């Protein structure tokens, strides 16, 4: 199960790192086509979300890999799960069903990592 959790952590980290990097570095106007919800969101909020995704991605890998404060890995997974729950609410309000499905899958994977690393498969 540890190997499976590492694989899930790596996949989540890659997805959140790519998404967060795009949101944190590219102009909002360029991303509106990929993320329609950005039309109604300030650049500061988009930047904040991007930075949180990047920090979450780092938190999924680095603490467990280094052995330094490994409790931060399930904490990062919990934070990303909360972020996905809030994103799903936003997509539901906007009527974007495809966005809700993506958020639901990422939420489920983040909850799996949080459960596993806080619980029976902790470091």
PDB file of N, CA and C in Angstrom:
ATOM      1  N   UNK A   1       0.815  -1.199   0.000  1.00  0.00           N
ATOM      2  CA  UNK A   1       0.000   0.000   0.000  1.00  0.00           C
ATOM      3  C   UNK A   1       0.859   1.264   0.000  1.00  0.00           C
ATOM      4  N   UNK A   2       2.050   1.179   0.614  1.00  0.00           N
ATOM      5  CA  UNK A   2       2.935   2.342   0.615  1.00  0.00           C
ATOM      6  C   UNK A   2       3.322   2.743  -0.811  1.00  0.00           C
ATOM      7  N   UNK A   3       3.617   1.745  -1.633  1.00  0.00           N
ATOM      8  CA  UNK A   3       3.996   2.032  -3.024  1.00  0.00           C
ATOM      9  C   UNK A   3       2.814   2.653  -3.761  1.00  0.00           C
ATOM     10  N   UNK A   4       1.632   2.109  -3.559  1.00  0.00           N
ATOM     11  CA  UNK A   4       0.435   2.665  -4.199  1.00  0.00           C
ATOM     12  C   UNK A   4       0.215   4.115  -3.775  1.00  0.00           C
ATOM     13  N   UNK A   5       0.363   4.401  -2.482  1.00  0.00           N
ATOM     14  CA  UNK A   5       0.207   5.784  -2.002  1.00  0.00           C
ATOM     15  C   UNK A   5       1.262   6.699  -2.606  1.00  0.00           C
ATOM     16  N   UNK A   6       2.490   6.215  -2.743  1.00  0.00           N
ATOM     17  CA  UNK A   6       3.526   7.028  -3.380  1.00  0.00           C
ATOM     18  C   UNK A   6       3.169   7.343  -4.832  1.00  0.00           C
ATOM     19  N   UNK A   7       2.615   6.360  -5.522  1.00  0.00           N
ATOM     20  CA  UNK A   7       2.212   6.590  -6.921  1.00  0.00           C
ATOM     21  C   UNK A   7       1.108   7.641  -6.980  1.00  0.00           C
ATOM     22  N   UNK A   8       0.107   7.514  -6.116  1.00  0.00           N
ATOM     23  CA  UNK A   8      -0.988   8.495  -6.079  1.00  0.00           C
ATOM     24  C   UNK A   8      -0.441   9.870  -5.714  1.00  0.00           C
ATOM     25  N   UNK A   9       0.457   9.935  -4.736  1.00  0.00           N
ATOM     26  CA  UNK A   9       1.056  11.208  -4.351  1.00  0.00           C
ATOM     27  C   UNK A   9       1.803  11.838  -5.525  1.00  0.00           C
ATOM     28  N   UNK A  10       2.560  11.029  -6.262  1.00  0.00           N
ATOM     29  CA  UNK A  10       3.333  11.548  -7.396  1.00  0.00           C
ATOM     30  C   UNK A  10       2.412  12.065  -8.495  1.00  0.00           C
ATOM     31  N   UNK A  11       1.345  11.330  -8.782  1.00  0.00           N
ATOM     32  CA  UNK A  11       0.392  11.777  -9.811  1.00  0.00           C
ATOM     33  C   UNK A  11      -0.274  13.076  -9.390  1.00  0.00           C
ATOM     34  N   UNK A  12      -0.747  13.121  -8.146  1.00  0.00           N
ATOM     35  CA  UNK A  12      -1.375  14.355  -7.643  1.00  0.00           C
ATOM     36  C   UNK A  12      -0.386  15.514  -7.665  1.00  0.00           C
ATOM     37  N   UNK A  13       0.827  15.268  -7.221  1.00  0.00           N
ATOM     38  CA  UNK A  13       1.833  16.334  -7.189  1.00  0.00           C
ATOM     39  C   UNK A  13       2.099  16.867  -8.597  1.00  0.00           C
ATOM     40  N   UNK A  14       2.205  15.978  -9.564  1.00  0.00           N
ATOM     41  CA  UNK A  14       2.447  16.419 -10.942  1.00  0.00           C
ATOM     42  C   UNK A  14       1.282  17.252 -11.467  1.00  0.00           C
ATOM     43  N   UNK A  15       0.066  16.782 -11.232  1.00  0.00           N
ATOM     44  CA  UNK A  15      -1.112  17.516 -11.726  1.00  0.00           C
ATOM     45  C   UNK A  15      -1.236  18.890 -11.071  1.00  0.00           C
ATOM     46  N   UNK A  16      -1.084  18.922  -9.743  1.00  0.00           N
ATOM     47  CA  UNK A  16      -1.211  20.196  -9.047  1.00  0.00           C
ATOM     48  C   UNK A  16      -0.039  21.123  -9.352  1.00  0.00           C
ATOM     49  N   UNK A  17       1.148  20.580  -9.551  1.00  0.00           N
ATOM     50  CA  UNK A  17       2.296  21.419  -9.887  1.00  0.00           C
ATOM     51  C   UNK A  17       2.105  22.073 -11.256  1.00  0.00           C
ATOM     52  N   UNK A  18       1.642  21.315 -12.231  1.00  0.00           N
ATOM     53  CA  UNK A  18       1.416  21.880 -13.563  1.00  0.00           C
ATOM     54  C   UNK A  18       0.324  22.944 -13.530  1.00  0.00           C
ATOM     55  N   UNK A  19      -0.779  22.630 -12.871  1.00  0.00           N
ATOM     56  CA  UNK A  19      -1.885  23.569 -12.785  1.00  0.00           C
ATOM     57  C   UNK A  19      -1.483  24.819 -12.001  1.00  0.00           C
ATOM     58  N   UNK A  20      -0.825  24.612 -10.874  1.00  0.00           N
ATOM     59  CA  UNK A  20      -0.415  25.741 -10.042  1.00  0.00           C
ATOM     60  C   UNK A  20       0.612  26.618 -10.725  1.00  0.00           C
ATOM     61  N   UNK A  21       1.545  26.003 -11.427  1.00  0.00           N
ATOM     62  CA  UNK A  21       2.566  26.769 -12.134  1.00  0.00           C
ATOM     63  C   UNK A  21       1.938  27.642 -13.215  1.00  0.00           C
ATOM     64  N   UNK A  22       0.974  27.097 -13.934  1.00  0.00           N
ATOM     65  CA  UNK A  22       0.280  27.877 -14.974  1.00  0.00           C
ATOM     66  C   UNK A  22      -0.454  29.061 -14.348  1.00  0.00           C
ATOM     67  N   UNK A  23      -1.175  28.808 -13.253  1.00  0.00           N
ATOM     68  CA  UNK A  23      -1.944  29.875 -12.618  1.00  0.00           C
ATOM     69  C   UNK A  23      -1.057  30.937 -11.976  1.00  0.00           C
ATOM     70  N   UNK A  24       0.104  30.532 -11.501  1.00  0.00           N
ATOM     71  CA  UNK A  24       0.980  31.463 -10.806  1.00  0.00           C
ATOM     72  C   UNK A  24       1.878  32.264 -11.750  1.00  0.00           C
ATOM     73  N   UNK A  25       2.085  31.780 -12.968  1.00  0.00           N
ATOM     74  CA  UNK A  25       3.061  32.449 -13.838  1.00  0.00           C
ATOM     75  C   UNK A  25       2.475  33.062 -15.105  1.00  0.00           C
ATOM     76  N   UNK A  26       1.359  32.557 -15.595  1.00  0.00           N
ATOM     77  CA  UNK A  26       0.827  33.051 -16.857  1.00  0.00           C
ATOM     78  C   UNK A  26      -0.233  34.123 -16.626  1.00  0.00           C
ATOM     79  N   UNK A  27      -0.367  35.039 -17.573  1.00  0.00           N
ATOM     80  CA  UNK A  27      -1.409  36.068 -17.440  1.00  0.00           C
ATOM     81  C   UNK A  27      -2.802  35.432 -17.433  1.00  0.00           C
ATOM     82  N   UNK A  28      -3.663  36.039 -16.651  1.00  0.00           N
ATOM     83  CA  UNK A  28      -5.035  35.529 -16.516  1.00  0.00           C
ATOM     84  C   UNK A  28      -5.749  35.461 -17.862  1.00  0.00           C
ATOM     85  N   UNK A  29      -5.559  36.450 -18.708  1.00  0.00           N
ATOM     86  CA  UNK A  29      -6.226  36.485 -20.020  1.00  0.00           C
ATOM     87  C   UNK A  29      -5.873  35.263 -20.864  1.00  0.00           C
ATOM     88  N   UNK A  30      -4.673  34.778 -20.711  1.00  0.00           N
ATOM     89  CA  UNK A  30      -4.232  33.623 -21.488  1.00  0.00           C
ATOM     90  C   UNK A  30      -4.854  32.318 -20.993  1.00  0.00           C
ATOM     91  N   UNK A  31      -5.244  32.278 -19.724  1.00  0.00           N
ATOM     92  CA  UNK A  31      -5.765  31.057 -19.122  1.00  0.00           C
ATOM     93  C   UNK A  31      -7.280  30.944 -19.152  1.00  0.00           C
ATOM     94  N   UNK A  32      -7.977  32.020 -19.489  1.00  0.00           N
ATOM     95  CA  UNK A  32      -9.445  32.025 -19.442  1.00  0.00           C
ATOM     96  C   UNK A  32     -10.042  30.947 -20.350  1.00  0.00           C
ATOM     97  N   UNK A  33      -9.419  30.665 -21.471  1.00  0.00           N
ATOM     98  CA  UNK A  33      -9.932  29.625 -22.366  1.00  0.00           C
ATOM     99  C   UNK A  33      -9.898  28.246 -21.739  1.00  0.00           C
ATOM    100  N   UNK A  34      -8.869  27.978 -20.949  1.00  0.00           N
ATOM    101  CA  UNK A  34      -8.733  26.681 -20.290  1.00  0.00           C
ATOM    102  C   UNK A  34      -9.536  26.616 -19.001  1.00  0.00           C
ATOM    103  N   UNK A  35      -9.619  27.735 -18.306  1.00  0.00           N
ATOM    104  CA  UNK A  35     -10.327  27.821 -17.029  1.00  0.00           C
ATOM    105  C   UNK A  35     -11.392  28.914 -17.116  1.00  0.00           C
ATOM    106  N   UNK A  36     -12.612  28.602 -17.568  1.00  0.00           N
ATOM    107  CA  UNK A  36     -13.642  29.631 -17.750  1.00  0.00           C
ATOM    108  C   UNK A  36     -13.999  30.387 -16.470  1.00  0.00           C
ATOM    109  N   UNK A  37     -13.836  29.765 -15.314  1.00  0.00           N
ATOM    110  CA  UNK A  37     -14.184  30.417 -14.047  1.00  0.00           C
ATOM    111  C   UNK A  37     -13.316  31.634 -13.774  1.00  0.00           C
ATOM    112  N   UNK A  38     -12.203  31.750 -14.460  1.00  0.00           N
ATOM    113  CA  UNK A  38     -11.302  32.879 -14.221  1.00  0.00           C
ATOM    114  C   UNK A  38     -11.874  34.213 -14.688  1.00  0.00           C
ATOM    115  N   UNK A  39     -12.853  34.168 -15.572  1.00  0.00           N
ATOM    116  CA  UNK A  39     -13.467  35.428 -16.028  1.00  0.00           C
ATOM    117  C   UNK A  39     -14.022  36.233 -14.864  1.00  0.00           C
ATOM    118  N   UNK A  40     -14.541  35.522 -13.865  1.00  0.00           N
ATOM    119  CA  UNK A  40     -15.202  36.176 -12.731  1.00  0.00           C
ATOM    120  C   UNK A  40     -14.326  36.221 -11.484  1.00  0.00           C
ATOM    121  N   UNK A  41     -13.036  35.983 -11.641  1.00  0.00           N
ATOM    122  CA  UNK A  41     -12.133  35.906 -10.496  1.00  0.00           C
ATOM    123  C   UNK A  41     -10.986  36.885 -10.670  1.00  0.00           C
ATOM    124  N   UNK A  42     -10.579  37.515  -9.579  1.00  0.00           N
ATOM    125  CA  UNK A  42      -9.475  38.482  -9.652  1.00  0.00           C
ATOM    126  C   UNK A  42      -8.143  37.769  -9.885  1.00  0.00           C
ATOM    127  N   UNK A  43      -7.202  38.499 -10.428  1.00  0.00           N
ATOM    128  CA  UNK A  43      -5.859  37.939 -10.671  1.00  0.00           C
ATOM    129  C   UNK A  43      -5.214  37.521  -9.350  1.00  0.00           C
ATOM    130  N   UNK A  44      -5.448  38.273  -8.301  1.00  0.00           N
ATOM    131  CA  UNK A  44      -4.878  37.952  -6.994  1.00  0.00           C
ATOM    132  C   UNK A  44      -5.391  36.590  -6.504  1.00  0.00           C
ATOM    133  N   UNK A  45      -6.668  36.337  -6.678  1.00  0.00           N
ATOM    134  CA  UNK A  45      -7.243  35.058  -6.259  1.00  0.00           C
ATOM    135  C   UNK A  45      -6.672  33.920  -7.088  1.00  0.00           C
ATOM    136  N   UNK A  46      -6.535  34.118  -8.377  1.00  0.00           N
ATOM    137  CA  UNK A  46      -5.962  33.095  -9.253  1.00  0.00           C
ATOM    138  C   UNK A  46      -4.522  32.813  -8.836  1.00  0.00           C
ATOM    139  N   UNK A  47      -3.764  33.853  -8.546  1.00  0.00           N
ATOM    140  CA  UNK A  47      -2.383  33.694  -8.096  1.00  0.00           C
ATOM    141  C   UNK A  47      -2.332  32.933  -6.773  1.00  0.00           C
ATOM    142  N   UNK A  48      -3.216  33.271  -5.848  1.00  0.00           N
ATOM    143  CA  UNK A  48      -3.279  32.581  -4.557  1.00  0.00           C
ATOM    144  C   UNK A  48      -3.564  31.092  -4.747  1.00  0.00           C
ATOM    145  N   UNK A  49      -4.532  30.775  -5.604  1.00  0.00           N
ATOM    146  CA  UNK A  49      -4.869  29.375  -5.861  1.00  0.00           C
ATOM    147  C   UNK A  49      -3.669  28.647  -6.465  1.00  0.00           C
ATOM    148  N   UNK A  50      -2.995  29.289  -7.407  1.00  0.00           N
ATOM    149  CA  UNK A  50      -1.815  28.685  -8.030  1.00  0.00           C
ATOM    150  C   UNK A  50      -0.705  28.411  -7.036  1.00  0.00           C
ATOM    151  N   UNK A  51      -0.447  29.359  -6.156  1.00  0.00           N
ATOM    152  CA  UNK A  51       0.599  29.175  -5.142  1.00  0.00           C
ATOM    153  C   UNK A  51       0.212  28.061  -4.177  1.00  0.00           C
ATOM    154  N   UNK A  52      -1.058  27.995  -3.779  1.00  0.00           N
ATOM    155  CA  UNK A  52      -1.498  26.923  -2.878  1.00  0.00           C
ATOM    156  C   UNK A  52      -1.358  25.558  -3.544  1.00  0.00           C
ATOM    157  N   UNK A  53      -1.659  25.479  -4.837  1.00  0.00           N
ATOM    158  CA  UNK A  53      -1.492  24.215  -5.554  1.00  0.00           C
ATOM    159  C   UNK A  53      -0.025  23.815  -5.620  1.00  0.00           C
ATOM    160  N   UNK A  54       0.852  24.771  -5.865  1.00  0.00           N
ATOM    161  CA  UNK A  54       2.286  24.478  -5.894  1.00  0.00           C
ATOM    162  C   UNK A  54       2.793  24.010  -4.533  1.00  0.00           C
ATOM    163  N   UNK A  55       2.403  24.708  -3.476  1.00  0.00           N
ATOM    164  CA  UNK A  55       2.823  24.309  -2.135  1.00  0.00           C
ATOM    165  C   UNK A  55       2.275  22.934  -1.770  1.00  0.00           C
ATOM    166  N   UNK A  56       1.032  22.663  -2.167  1.00  0.00           N
ATOM    167  CA  UNK A  56       0.454  21.349  -1.918  1.00  0.00           C
ATOM    168  C   UNK A  56       1.211  20.250  -2.649  1.00  0.00           C
ATOM    169  N   UNK A  57       1.600  20.518  -3.889  1.00  0.00           N
ATOM    170  CA  UNK A  57       2.362  19.541  -4.665  1.00  0.00           C
ATOM    171  C   UNK A  57       3.705  19.246  -4.000  1.00  0.00           C
ATOM    172  N   UNK A  58       4.365  20.289  -3.543  1.00  0.00           N
ATOM    173  CA  UNK A  58       5.640  20.105  -2.838  1.00  0.00           C
ATOM    174  C   UNK A  58       5.418  19.317  -1.550  1.00  0.00           C
ATOM    175  N   UNK A  59       4.357  19.660  -0.830  1.00  0.00           N
ATOM    176  CA  UNK A  59       4.059  18.997   0.431  1.00  0.00           C
ATOM    177  C   UNK A  59       3.698  17.532   0.285  1.00  0.00           C
ATOM    178  N   UNK A  60       3.220  17.129  -0.871  1.00  0.00           N
ATOM    179  CA  UNK A  60       2.897  15.721  -1.092  1.00  0.00           C
ATOM    180  C   UNK A  60       4.144  14.851  -1.228  1.00  0.00           C
ATOM    181  N   UNK A  61       5.246  15.436  -1.669  1.00  0.00           N
ATOM    182  CA  UNK A  61       6.434  14.651  -1.980  1.00  0.00           C
ATOM    183  C   UNK A  61       7.591  14.888  -1.010  1.00  0.00           C
ATOM    184  N   UNK A  62       7.961  16.134  -0.819  1.00  0.00           N
ATOM    185  CA  UNK A  62       9.213  16.451  -0.118  1.00  0.00           C
ATOM    186  C   UNK A  62       9.269  15.932   1.326  1.00  0.00           C
ATOM    187  N   UNK A  63       8.259  16.154   2.162  1.00  0.00           N
ATOM    188  CA  UNK A  63       8.392  15.672   3.547  1.00  0.00           C
ATOM    189  C   UNK A  63       8.578  14.156   3.658  1.00  0.00           C
ATOM    190  N   UNK A  64       7.842  13.407   2.887  1.00  0.00           N
ATOM    191  CA  UNK A  64       7.980  11.955   2.929  1.00  0.00           C
ATOM    192  C   UNK A  64       9.290  11.478   2.334  1.00  0.00           C
ATOM    193  N   UNK A  65       9.744  12.146   1.288  1.00  0.00           N
ATOM    194  CA  UNK A  65      10.990  11.745   0.634  1.00  0.00           C
ATOM    195  C   UNK A  65      12.209  12.056   1.483  1.00  0.00           C
ATOM    196  N   UNK A  66      12.158  13.144   2.230  1.00  0.00           N
ATOM    197  CA  UNK A  66      13.310  13.545   3.044  1.00  0.00           C
ATOM    198  C   UNK A  66      13.241  13.022   4.465  1.00  0.00           C
ATOM    199  N   UNK A  67      12.030  12.670   4.913  1.00  0.00           N
ATOM    200  CA  UNK A  67      11.865  12.240   6.298  1.00  0.00           C
ATOM    201  C   UNK A  67      11.815  13.398   7.281  1.00  0.00           C
ATOM    202  N   UNK A  68      11.804  14.624   6.773  1.00  0.00           N
ATOM    203  CA  UNK A  68      11.740  15.816   7.617  1.00  0.00           C
ATOM    204  C   UNK A  68      10.282  16.240   7.719  1.00  0.00           C
ATOM    205  N   UNK A  69       9.725  16.174   8.909  1.00  0.00           N
ATOM    206  CA  UNK A  69       8.324  16.537   9.183  1.00  0.00           C
ATOM    207  C   UNK A  69       7.359  15.831   8.232  1.00  0.00           C
ATOM    208  N   UNK A  70       7.389  14.494   8.186  1.00  0.00           N
ATOM    209  CA  UNK A  70       6.530  13.763   7.249  1.00  0.00           C
ATOM    210  C   UNK A  70       5.036  13.950   7.494  1.00  0.00           C
ATOM    211  N   UNK A  71       4.660  14.472   8.648  1.00  0.00           N
ATOM    212  CA  UNK A  71       3.236  14.737   8.901  1.00  0.00           C
ATOM    213  C   UNK A  71       2.702  15.808   7.949  1.00  0.00           C
ATOM    214  N   UNK A  72       3.603  16.552   7.320  1.00  0.00           N
ATOM    215  CA  UNK A  72       3.166  17.580   6.370  1.00  0.00           C
ATOM    216  C   UNK A  72       2.570  16.973   5.094  1.00  0.00           C
ATOM    217  N   UNK A  73       2.919  15.725   4.775  1.00  0.00           N
ATOM    218  CA  UNK A  73       2.353  15.097   3.574  1.00  0.00           C
ATOM    219  C   UNK A  73       0.843  14.910   3.692  1.00  0.00           C
ATOM    220  N   UNK A  74       0.329  14.276   4.752  1.00  0.00           N
ATOM    221  CA  UNK A  74      -1.128  14.181   4.845  1.00  0.00           C
ATOM    222  C   UNK A  74      -1.787  15.533   5.081  1.00  0.00           C
ATOM    223  N   UNK A  75      -1.071  16.460   5.707  1.00  0.00           N
ATOM    224  CA  UNK A  75      -1.624  17.808   5.879  1.00  0.00           C
ATOM    225  C   UNK A  75      -1.777  18.489   4.516  1.00  0.00           C
ATOM    226  N   UNK A  76      -0.792  18.313   3.649  1.00  0.00           N
ATOM    227  CA  UNK A  76      -0.878  18.871   2.296  1.00  0.00           C
ATOM    228  C   UNK A  76      -2.020  18.224   1.521  1.00  0.00           C
ATOM    229  N   UNK A  77      -2.170  16.923   1.664  1.00  0.00           N
ATOM    230  CA  UNK A  77      -3.268  16.217   0.986  1.00  0.00           C
ATOM    231  C   UNK A  77      -4.614  16.720   1.487  1.00  0.00           C
ATOM    232  N   UNK A  78      -4.713  16.964   2.787  1.00  0.00           N
ATOM    233  CA  UNK A  78      -5.960  17.506   3.348  1.00  0.00           C
ATOM    234  C   UNK A  78      -6.243  18.889   2.795  1.00  0.00           C
ATOM    235  N   UNK A  79      -5.221  19.725   2.733  1.00  0.00           N
ATOM    236  CA  UNK A  79      -5.391  21.068   2.172  1.00  0.00           C
ATOM    237  C   UNK A  79      -5.830  21.037   0.719  1.00  0.00           C
ATOM    238  N   UNK A  80      -5.249  20.137  -0.061  1.00  0.00           N
ATOM    239  CA  UNK A  80      -5.649  20.017  -1.465  1.00  0.00           C
ATOM    240  C   UNK A  80      -7.069  19.471  -1.592  1.00  0.00           C
ATOM    241  N   UNK A  81      -7.462  18.589  -0.683  1.00  0.00           N
ATOM    242  CA  UNK A  81      -8.840  18.078  -0.691  1.00  0.00           C
ATOM    243  C   UNK A  81      -9.825  19.207  -0.413  1.00  0.00           C
ATOM    244  N   UNK A  82      -9.497  20.062   0.541  1.00  0.00           N
ATOM    245  CA  UNK A  82     -10.359  21.222   0.836  1.00  0.00           C
ATOM    246  C   UNK A  82     -10.424  22.142  -0.379  1.00  0.00           C
ATOM    247  N   UNK A  83      -9.276  22.372  -1.015  1.00  0.00           N
ATOM    248  CA  UNK A  83      -9.235  23.215  -2.211  1.00  0.00           C
ATOM    249  C   UNK A  83     -10.126  22.642  -3.311  1.00  0.00           C
ATOM    250  N   UNK A  84     -10.099  21.320  -3.494  1.00  0.00           N
ATOM    251  CA  UNK A  84     -10.929  20.682  -4.522  1.00  0.00           C
ATOM    252  C   UNK A  84     -12.410  20.723  -4.157  1.00  0.00           C
ATOM    253  N   UNK A  85     -12.727  20.611  -2.882  1.00  0.00           N
ATOM    254  CA  UNK A  85     -14.132  20.716  -2.460  1.00  0.00           C
ATOM    255  C   UNK A  85     -14.660  22.116  -2.762  1.00  0.00           C
ATOM    256  N   UNK A  86     -13.866  23.131  -2.469  1.00  0.00           N
ATOM    257  CA  UNK A  86     -14.273  24.511  -2.759  1.00  0.00           C
ATOM    258  C   UNK A  86     -14.363  24.761  -4.266  1.00  0.00           C
ATOM    259  N   UNK A  87     -13.440  24.163  -5.012  1.00  0.00           N
ATOM    260  CA  UNK A  87     -13.488  24.299  -6.475  1.00  0.00           C
ATOM    261  C   UNK A  87     -14.745  23.638  -7.033  1.00  0.00           C
ATOM    262  N   UNK A  88     -15.116  22.488  -6.472  1.00  0.00           N
ATOM    263  CA  UNK A  88     -16.334  21.804  -6.929  1.00  0.00           C
ATOM    264  C   UNK A  88     -17.566  22.663  -6.671  1.00  0.00           C
ATOM    265  N   UNK A  89     -17.614  23.315  -5.520  1.00  0.00           N
ATOM    266  CA  UNK A  89     -18.733  24.212  -5.216  1.00  0.00           C
ATOM    267  C   UNK A  89     -18.797  25.328  -6.247  1.00  0.00           C
ATOM    268  N   UNK A  90     -17.647  25.885  -6.593  1.00  0.00           N
ATOM    269  CA  UNK A  90     -17.601  26.948  -7.603  1.00  0.00           C
ATOM    270  C   UNK A  90     -18.127  26.442  -8.942  1.00  0.00           C
ATOM    271  N   UNK A  91     -17.700  25.258  -9.351  1.00  0.00           N
ATOM    272  CA  UNK A  91     -18.156  24.708 -10.633  1.00  0.00           C
ATOM    273  C   UNK A  91     -19.646  24.379 -10.611  1.00  0.00           C
ATOM    274  N   UNK A  92     -20.154  23.912  -9.481  1.00  0.00           N
ATOM    275  CA  UNK A  92     -21.590  23.632  -9.370  1.00  0.00           C
ATOM    276  C   UNK A  92     -22.381  24.922  -9.526  1.00  0.00           C
ATOM    277  N   UNK A  93     -21.942  25.972  -8.854  1.00  0.00           N
ATOM    278  CA  UNK A  93     -22.632  27.269  -8.963  1.00  0.00           C
ATOM    279  C   UNK A  93     -22.610  27.814 -10.384  1.00  0.00           C
ATOM    280  N   UNK A  94     -21.539  27.527 -11.107  1.00  0.00           N
ATOM    281  CA  UNK A  94     -21.408  28.021 -12.483  1.00  0.00           C
ATOM    282  C   UNK A  94     -22.026  27.071 -13.507  1.00  0.00           C
ATOM    283  N   UNK A  95     -22.484  25.894 -13.078  1.00  0.00           N
ATOM    284  CA  UNK A  95     -23.083  24.932 -14.001  1.00  0.00           C
ATOM    285  C   UNK A  95     -22.074  24.240 -14.888  1.00  0.00           C
ATOM    286  N   UNK A  96     -20.857  24.048 -14.398  1.00  0.00           N
ATOM    287  CA  UNK A  96     -19.790  23.413 -15.171  1.00  0.00           C
ATOM    288  C   UNK A  96     -19.597  21.974 -14.675  1.00  0.00           C
ATOM    289  N   UNK A  97     -20.384  21.069 -15.230  1.00  0.00           N
ATOM    290  CA  UNK A  97     -20.383  19.680 -14.762  1.00  0.00           C
ATOM    291  C   UNK A  97     -19.040  18.994 -14.974  1.00  0.00           C
ATOM    292  N   UNK A  98     -18.364  19.278 -16.070  1.00  0.00           N
ATOM    293  CA  UNK A  98     -17.081  18.614 -16.321  1.00  0.00           C
ATOM    294  C   UNK A  98     -16.045  19.029 -15.276  1.00  0.00           C
ATOM    295  N   UNK A  99     -16.101  20.272 -14.851  1.00  0.00           N
ATOM    296  CA  UNK A  99     -15.188  20.735 -13.807  1.00  0.00           C
ATOM    297  C   UNK A  99     -15.436  20.031 -12.491  1.00  0.00           C
ATOM    298  N   UNK A 100     -16.694  19.764 -12.185  1.00  0.00           N
ATOM    299  CA  UNK A 100     -17.043  19.078 -10.942  1.00  0.00           C
ATOM    300  C   UNK A 100     -16.480  17.660 -10.955  1.00  0.00           C
ATOM    301  N   UNK A 101     -16.534  16.999 -12.080  1.00  0.00           N
ATOM    302  CA  UNK A 101     -16.039  15.623 -12.167  1.00  0.00           C
ATOM    303  C   UNK A 101     -14.524  15.577 -11.941  1.00  0.00           C
ATOM    304  N   UNK A 102     -13.803  16.491 -12.538  1.00  0.00           N
ATOM    305  CA  UNK A 102     -12.350  16.548 -12.334  1.00  0.00           C
ATOM    306  C   UNK A 102     -12.053  16.801 -10.864  1.00  0.00           C
ATOM    307  N   UNK A 103     -12.755  17.758 -10.276  1.00  0.00           N
ATOM    308  CA  UNK A 103     -12.546  18.054  -8.853  1.00  0.00           C
ATOM    309  C   UNK A 103     -12.878  16.859  -7.976  1.00  0.00           C
ATOM    310  N   UNK A 104     -13.922  16.120  -8.320  1.00  0.00           N
ATOM    311  CA  UNK A 104     -14.318  14.958  -7.517  1.00  0.00           C
ATOM    312  C   UNK A 104     -13.241  13.873  -7.540  1.00  0.00           C
ATOM    313  N   UNK A 105     -12.642  13.638  -8.688  1.00  0.00           N
ATOM    314  CA  UNK A 105     -11.581  12.634  -8.789  1.00  0.00           C
ATOM    315  C   UNK A 105     -10.357  13.076  -7.989  1.00  0.00           C
ATOM    316  N   UNK A 106      -9.944  14.326  -8.159  1.00  0.00           N
ATOM    317  CA  UNK A 106      -8.787  14.833  -7.416  1.00  0.00           C
ATOM    318  C   UNK A 106      -9.063  14.858  -5.916  1.00  0.00           C
ATOM    319  N   UNK A 107     -10.288  15.208  -5.545  1.00  0.00           N
ATOM    320  CA  UNK A 107     -10.683  15.207  -4.133  1.00  0.00           C
ATOM    321  C   UNK A 107     -10.569  13.794  -3.556  1.00  0.00           C
ATOM    322  N   UNK A 108     -11.081  12.818  -4.274  1.00  0.00           N
ATOM    323  CA  UNK A 108     -11.034  11.435  -3.798  1.00  0.00           C
ATOM    324  C   UNK A 108      -9.594  10.948  -3.632  1.00  0.00           C
ATOM    325  N   UNK A 109      -8.732  11.277  -4.582  1.00  0.00           N
ATOM    326  CA  UNK A 109      -7.332  10.867  -4.484  1.00  0.00           C
ATOM    327  C   UNK A 109      -6.623  11.560  -3.323  1.00  0.00           C
ATOM    328  N   UNK A 110      -6.902  12.838  -3.124  1.00  0.00           N
ATOM    329  CA  UNK A 110      -6.290  13.569  -2.014  1.00  0.00           C
ATOM    330  C   UNK A 110      -6.767  13.028  -0.671  1.00  0.00           C
ATOM    331  N   UNK A 111      -8.048  12.693  -0.578  1.00  0.00           N
ATOM    332  CA  UNK A 111      -8.584  12.105   0.660  1.00  0.00           C
ATOM    333  C   UNK A 111      -7.942  10.743   0.908  1.00  0.00           C
ATOM    334  N   UNK A 112      -7.728   9.965  -0.137  1.00  0.00           N
ATOM    335  CA  UNK A 112      -7.062   8.666  -0.001  1.00  0.00           C
ATOM    336  C   UNK A 112      -5.661   8.836   0.587  1.00  0.00           C
ATOM    337  N   UNK A 113      -4.911   9.780   0.055  1.00  0.00           N
ATOM    338  CA  UNK A 113      -3.557  10.028   0.564  1.00  0.00           C
ATOM    339  C   UNK A 113      -3.611  10.509   2.009  1.00  0.00           C
ATOM    340  N   UNK A 114      -4.502  11.442   2.313  1.00  0.00           N
ATOM    341  CA  UNK A 114      -4.614  11.948   3.689  1.00  0.00           C
ATOM    342  C   UNK A 114      -4.969  10.817   4.643  1.00  0.00           C
ATOM    343  N   UNK A 115      -5.950   9.994   4.272  1.00  0.00           N
ATOM    344  CA  UNK A 115      -6.355   8.870   5.121  1.00  0.00           C
ATOM    345  C   UNK A 115      -5.200   7.894   5.321  1.00  0.00           C
ATOM    346  N   UNK A 116      -4.543   7.536   4.239  1.00  0.00           N
ATOM    347  CA  UNK A 116      -3.457   6.565   4.317  1.00  0.00           C
ATOM    348  C   UNK A 116      -2.272   7.063   5.117  1.00  0.00           C
ATOM    349  N   UNK A 117      -1.891   8.296   4.912  1.00  0.00           N
ATOM    350  CA  UNK A 117      -0.698   8.823   5.572  1.00  0.00           C
ATOM    351  C   UNK A 117      -0.967   9.293   7.002  1.00  0.00           C
ATOM    352  N   UNK A 118      -2.190   9.695   7.317  1.00  0.00           N
ATOM    353  CA  UNK A 118      -2.534   9.994   8.710  1.00  0.00           C
ATOM    354  C   UNK A 118      -2.806   8.714   9.480  1.00  0.00           C
ATOM    355  N   UNK A 119      -3.291   7.689   8.780  1.00  0.00           N
ATOM    356  CA  UNK A 119      -3.778   6.484   9.428  1.00  0.00           C
ATOM    357  C   UNK A 119      -2.854   5.292   9.327  1.00  0.00           C
ATOM    358  N   UNK A 120      -3.363   4.219   8.743  1.00  0.00           N
ATOM    359  CA  UNK A 120      -2.671   2.932   8.823  1.00  0.00           C
ATOM    360  C   UNK A 120      -1.345   2.847   8.070  1.00  0.00           C
ATOM    361  N   UNK A 121      -1.105   3.735   7.140  1.00  0.00           N
ATOM    362  CA  UNK A 121       0.112   3.659   6.340  1.00  0.00           C
ATOM    363  C   UNK A 121       0.961   4.901   6.510  1.00  0.00           C
ATOM    364  N   UNK A 122       0.992   5.407   7.727  1.00  0.00           N
ATOM    365  CA  UNK A 122       1.784   6.605   8.003  1.00  0.00           C
ATOM    366  C   UNK A 122       3.260   6.248   7.976  1.00  0.00           C
ATOM    367  N   UNK A 123       4.071   7.242   8.047  1.00  0.00           N
ATOM    368  CA  UNK A 123       5.521   7.048   7.935  1.00  0.00           C
ATOM    369  C   UNK A 123       6.021   6.369   9.173  1.00  0.00           C
TER     370      UNK A 123
END
